[in-house]
Protein backbone atom coordinates (compact mmCIF):
# COMPACT_ATOMS: atom_id res chain seq x y z
CA ASN A 1 36.83 -74.57 35.68
CA VAL A 2 34.69 -74.16 32.42
CA ILE A 3 37.71 -75.41 29.20
CA ILE A 4 36.56 -73.83 25.65
CA ASN A 5 39.55 -75.47 23.33
CA ASN A 6 40.18 -73.40 20.21
CA ASN A 7 37.89 -72.51 17.12
CA THR A 8 34.98 -73.20 19.15
CA SER A 9 32.13 -70.83 19.06
CA ILE A 10 29.66 -70.01 21.76
CA GLY A 11 26.33 -67.87 20.76
CA ASP A 12 24.30 -64.95 22.70
CA ASN A 13 22.74 -66.11 26.23
CA VAL A 14 24.56 -69.24 26.36
CA ILE A 15 25.09 -70.37 30.10
CA ILE A 16 27.60 -73.42 30.47
CA LYS A 17 28.25 -74.48 34.38
CA GLY A 18 30.87 -75.22 36.41
CA ASN A 19 33.67 -78.19 35.39
CA SER A 20 31.91 -78.32 32.21
CA VAL A 21 34.52 -78.98 28.81
CA ILE A 22 33.55 -77.97 25.35
CA ASP A 23 36.08 -79.05 22.55
CA SER A 24 37.63 -77.79 19.95
CA ASP A 25 35.23 -76.85 16.59
CA CYS A 26 32.25 -76.95 18.28
CA ILE A 27 29.19 -74.46 18.06
CA VAL A 28 27.22 -74.15 21.08
CA LYS A 29 24.00 -71.45 19.13
CA SER A 30 22.01 -69.22 21.61
CA ASN A 31 20.33 -69.49 24.98
CA THR A 32 21.74 -73.24 25.60
CA CYS A 33 22.05 -74.05 28.93
CA ILE A 34 24.94 -76.97 29.67
CA ASN A 35 24.98 -78.09 33.69
CA TYR A 36 27.34 -78.83 35.32
CA ASN A 37 30.08 -81.62 34.79
CA VAL A 38 29.03 -81.95 30.94
CA THR A 39 31.91 -83.17 28.17
CA ILE A 40 31.57 -81.87 24.73
CA ASN A 41 33.84 -83.56 22.68
CA ARG A 42 35.59 -82.44 19.24
CA ASN A 43 33.43 -81.12 16.38
CA VAL A 44 29.70 -81.20 18.01
CA VAL A 45 27.01 -78.53 16.71
CA ILE A 46 24.54 -77.53 19.85
CA GLY A 47 21.49 -75.47 18.47
CA ASP A 48 19.52 -72.75 19.85
CA ASN A 49 17.23 -73.21 23.58
CA CYS A 50 18.70 -76.46 24.21
CA PHE A 51 19.56 -78.08 27.56
CA ILE A 52 21.90 -80.42 28.16
CA ASP A 53 22.14 -81.64 32.09
CA SER A 54 24.92 -82.92 34.33
CA GLY A 55 27.02 -85.80 33.56
CA THR A 56 26.17 -86.17 29.81
CA THR A 57 28.77 -86.65 27.48
CA VAL A 58 28.19 -85.83 23.56
CA GLY A 59 30.76 -86.90 20.94
CA SER A 60 32.07 -89.46 22.35
CA GLU A 61 33.72 -92.69 20.46
CA GLY A 62 31.54 -94.84 18.68
CA PHE A 63 31.41 -98.66 19.57
CA GLY A 64 32.74 -100.15 16.20
CA THR A 65 35.59 -102.35 16.03
CA TYR A 66 36.85 -104.56 12.81
CA LYS A 67 39.12 -108.11 13.65
CA HIS A 68 42.44 -108.13 12.00
CA GLU A 69 44.55 -111.31 12.94
CA GLY A 70 42.36 -112.19 15.91
CA LYS A 71 42.37 -108.91 17.67
CA HIS A 72 39.66 -106.88 18.06
CA LEU A 73 40.72 -102.96 16.73
CA ASN A 74 38.81 -99.68 16.90
CA ILE A 75 37.55 -97.87 13.71
CA PRO A 76 38.22 -94.38 13.81
CA HIS A 77 35.27 -91.85 14.31
CA ILE A 78 35.45 -88.78 12.29
CA GLY A 79 32.09 -87.78 11.87
CA LYS A 80 29.91 -84.91 14.22
CA VAL A 81 27.09 -84.77 16.59
CA ILE A 82 23.97 -82.51 15.48
CA ILE A 83 21.91 -81.16 17.85
CA GLU A 84 19.39 -79.14 16.66
CA ASP A 85 17.35 -76.19 18.20
CA ASP A 86 15.18 -76.73 21.56
CA VAL A 87 16.50 -80.29 22.16
CA LEU A 88 16.95 -81.35 26.11
CA ILE A 89 19.30 -84.52 27.03
CA GLY A 90 18.88 -85.61 30.52
CA SER A 91 22.10 -86.56 33.20
CA ASN A 92 24.11 -89.21 32.67
CA CYS A 93 23.47 -89.43 28.53
CA SER A 94 26.35 -90.94 26.13
CA ILE A 95 25.78 -89.92 22.34
CA ASP A 96 28.13 -90.84 20.30
CA ARG A 97 29.92 -89.07 17.04
CA GLY A 98 29.25 -90.91 14.03
CA THR A 99 32.49 -92.78 12.02
CA ILE A 100 31.74 -90.79 8.62
CA ASN A 101 27.88 -89.81 8.46
CA ASN A 102 26.62 -87.57 11.41
CA THR A 103 24.65 -88.72 14.57
CA ILE A 104 21.44 -86.55 14.63
CA ILE A 105 19.10 -85.80 16.99
CA SER A 106 16.53 -83.00 15.41
CA GLU A 107 14.39 -80.68 16.78
CA PHE A 108 11.90 -80.30 19.79
CA THR A 109 13.01 -84.01 20.78
CA LYS A 110 13.78 -84.69 24.39
CA LEU A 111 15.24 -87.31 26.08
CA ASP A 112 15.70 -88.40 29.82
CA ASN A 113 18.27 -89.38 32.01
CA LEU A 114 20.70 -92.69 31.36
CA ILE A 115 20.34 -93.03 27.70
CA GLN A 116 22.87 -93.99 25.10
CA ILE A 117 22.56 -93.22 21.37
CA GLY A 118 24.83 -94.96 19.17
CA HIS A 119 27.17 -93.81 16.29
CA ASN A 120 24.90 -92.73 12.84
CA VAL A 121 21.59 -92.70 14.41
CA LYS A 122 19.31 -90.43 13.81
CA ILE A 123 16.18 -89.33 15.68
CA GLY A 124 13.61 -87.23 14.11
CA LYS A 125 11.74 -84.34 15.59
CA ASN A 126 9.48 -83.83 18.58
CA CYS A 127 10.44 -87.45 19.96
CA LEU A 128 10.10 -88.30 23.73
CA ILE A 129 13.26 -90.99 24.76
CA ALA A 130 12.54 -92.54 28.50
CA SER A 131 15.22 -93.54 31.06
CA GLN A 132 17.74 -96.49 30.17
CA VAL A 133 17.05 -96.72 26.61
CA GLY A 134 19.78 -97.77 24.07
CA ILE A 135 19.71 -97.00 20.32
CA ALA A 136 22.61 -98.93 18.70
CA GLY A 137 24.42 -97.62 15.27
CA SER A 138 22.81 -96.32 12.31
CA THR A 139 19.41 -96.99 13.48
CA THR A 140 17.04 -93.83 12.03
CA VAL A 141 14.14 -92.93 14.53
CA GLY A 142 11.59 -90.91 13.08
CA ASP A 143 9.25 -88.03 13.83
CA ASN A 144 6.97 -88.23 16.81
CA VAL A 145 8.12 -91.65 18.36
CA THR A 146 7.48 -92.47 21.90
CA ILE A 147 10.25 -95.13 23.01
CA ALA A 148 9.58 -95.98 27.11
CA GLY A 149 11.84 -97.11 29.81
CA GLN A 150 14.33 -99.70 29.13
CA THR A 151 14.02 -100.27 25.66
CA GLY A 152 16.60 -101.74 23.00
CA ILE A 153 16.79 -101.32 19.87
CA ILE A 154 18.85 -103.24 17.84
CA ASP A 155 21.18 -101.35 14.56
CA HIS A 156 20.62 -100.31 11.16
CA LEU A 157 16.87 -100.55 11.79
CA ASN A 158 14.06 -97.82 10.60
CA ILE A 159 11.17 -96.74 13.08
CA GLY A 160 8.69 -95.07 11.46
CA ASN A 161 6.40 -91.75 12.43
CA ASN A 162 4.38 -91.80 15.17
CA THR A 163 5.30 -94.63 16.46
CA THR A 164 5.32 -96.07 20.01
CA ILE A 165 7.18 -98.21 21.65
CA ALA A 166 6.28 -99.78 25.48
CA VAL A 167 8.14 -100.60 28.76
CA LYS A 168 11.46 -103.02 28.66
CA SER A 169 10.91 -103.70 24.71
CA CYS A 170 13.57 -104.97 22.25
CA VAL A 171 12.60 -104.26 18.80
CA TYR A 172 14.89 -106.78 16.04
CA LYS A 173 13.29 -105.58 13.02
CA SER A 174 12.08 -102.23 11.25
CA LEU A 175 8.73 -100.63 12.28
CA PRO A 176 6.40 -99.04 10.21
CA GLU A 177 4.57 -95.61 10.95
CA LYS A 178 2.28 -95.50 13.48
CA SER A 179 3.47 -98.95 14.91
CA PHE A 180 2.71 -99.61 18.82
CA VAL A 181 4.54 -102.54 19.92
CA SER A 182 5.74 -104.03 23.10
CA GLY A 183 7.64 -106.89 24.50
CA ILE A 184 10.68 -108.99 23.78
CA PRO A 185 10.90 -109.25 21.08
CA ALA A 186 8.65 -106.48 20.19
CA ILE A 187 5.34 -107.15 18.39
CA ASN A 188 2.21 -105.26 17.88
CA HIS A 189 0.61 -104.47 21.19
CA LEU A 190 -2.78 -106.28 20.65
CA ASP A 191 -1.13 -109.56 19.98
CA LYS A 192 1.22 -109.20 23.22
CA LEU A 193 -1.64 -108.93 24.89
CA LYS A 194 -3.39 -111.91 23.68
CA GLN A 195 -0.07 -113.83 24.38
CA ASP A 196 -0.04 -112.68 27.72
CA ALA A 197 -3.81 -113.76 28.81
CA ILE A 198 -3.15 -117.30 27.07
CA LEU A 199 0.52 -117.30 28.90
CA LYS A 200 -1.37 -116.89 32.36
CA ARG A 201 -4.12 -119.84 31.56
CA LEU A 202 -1.30 -122.47 30.88
CA PRO A 203 -1.53 -124.13 33.83
CA LEU A 204 -4.91 -124.23 33.81
CA ILE A 205 -4.54 -125.54 30.59
CA TYR A 206 -2.06 -128.13 31.59
CA LYS A 207 -3.82 -129.48 34.35
CA ASN A 208 -6.66 -130.27 32.04
CA ILE A 209 -4.92 -131.41 29.58
CA LYS A 210 -3.05 -133.74 31.69
CA LYS A 211 -6.61 -134.74 32.98
């Protein structure tokens, strides 16, 4: 029950498991494994030695609309998804194609399960992204970035190389290289720890002020 559509190229030693669909004009390079129930939409490039786990969709239409006469209309997405070599993508991830530019996941990057990658997002080399992360459209993530679980990153940001974003953070601003941030909104992690320590003392501070 595997479907491979027109003008799609499959490399050597590729494994495609049952009920997966690869649409037209795709390239799947050598030694890649596509697990059960994966959907690869049109015009997607997948590199060597990749693994895509069950339930993942690559190349879906991005969430891009414009308002015309009071109605939200979809913007056509004609860009690609390019997944470079040695990338791992967990189960039930959704990776949107670009509008005009491409969505890119660079080599040696590893994605956990249940991750949303928006249109035109560029993720650098050797990144680690944990479960339930959402990255909004046109954000660029540098190399060697670690993003912990349930983090949200808004659109059109630049996340510098070698940055760490702690669990359940919400990133509203671009981050320079070697940042370590946490919280909502995400700020320097040491500053966040200081704020948390003060918050824990607020009942005592209030009691003393009242007295």
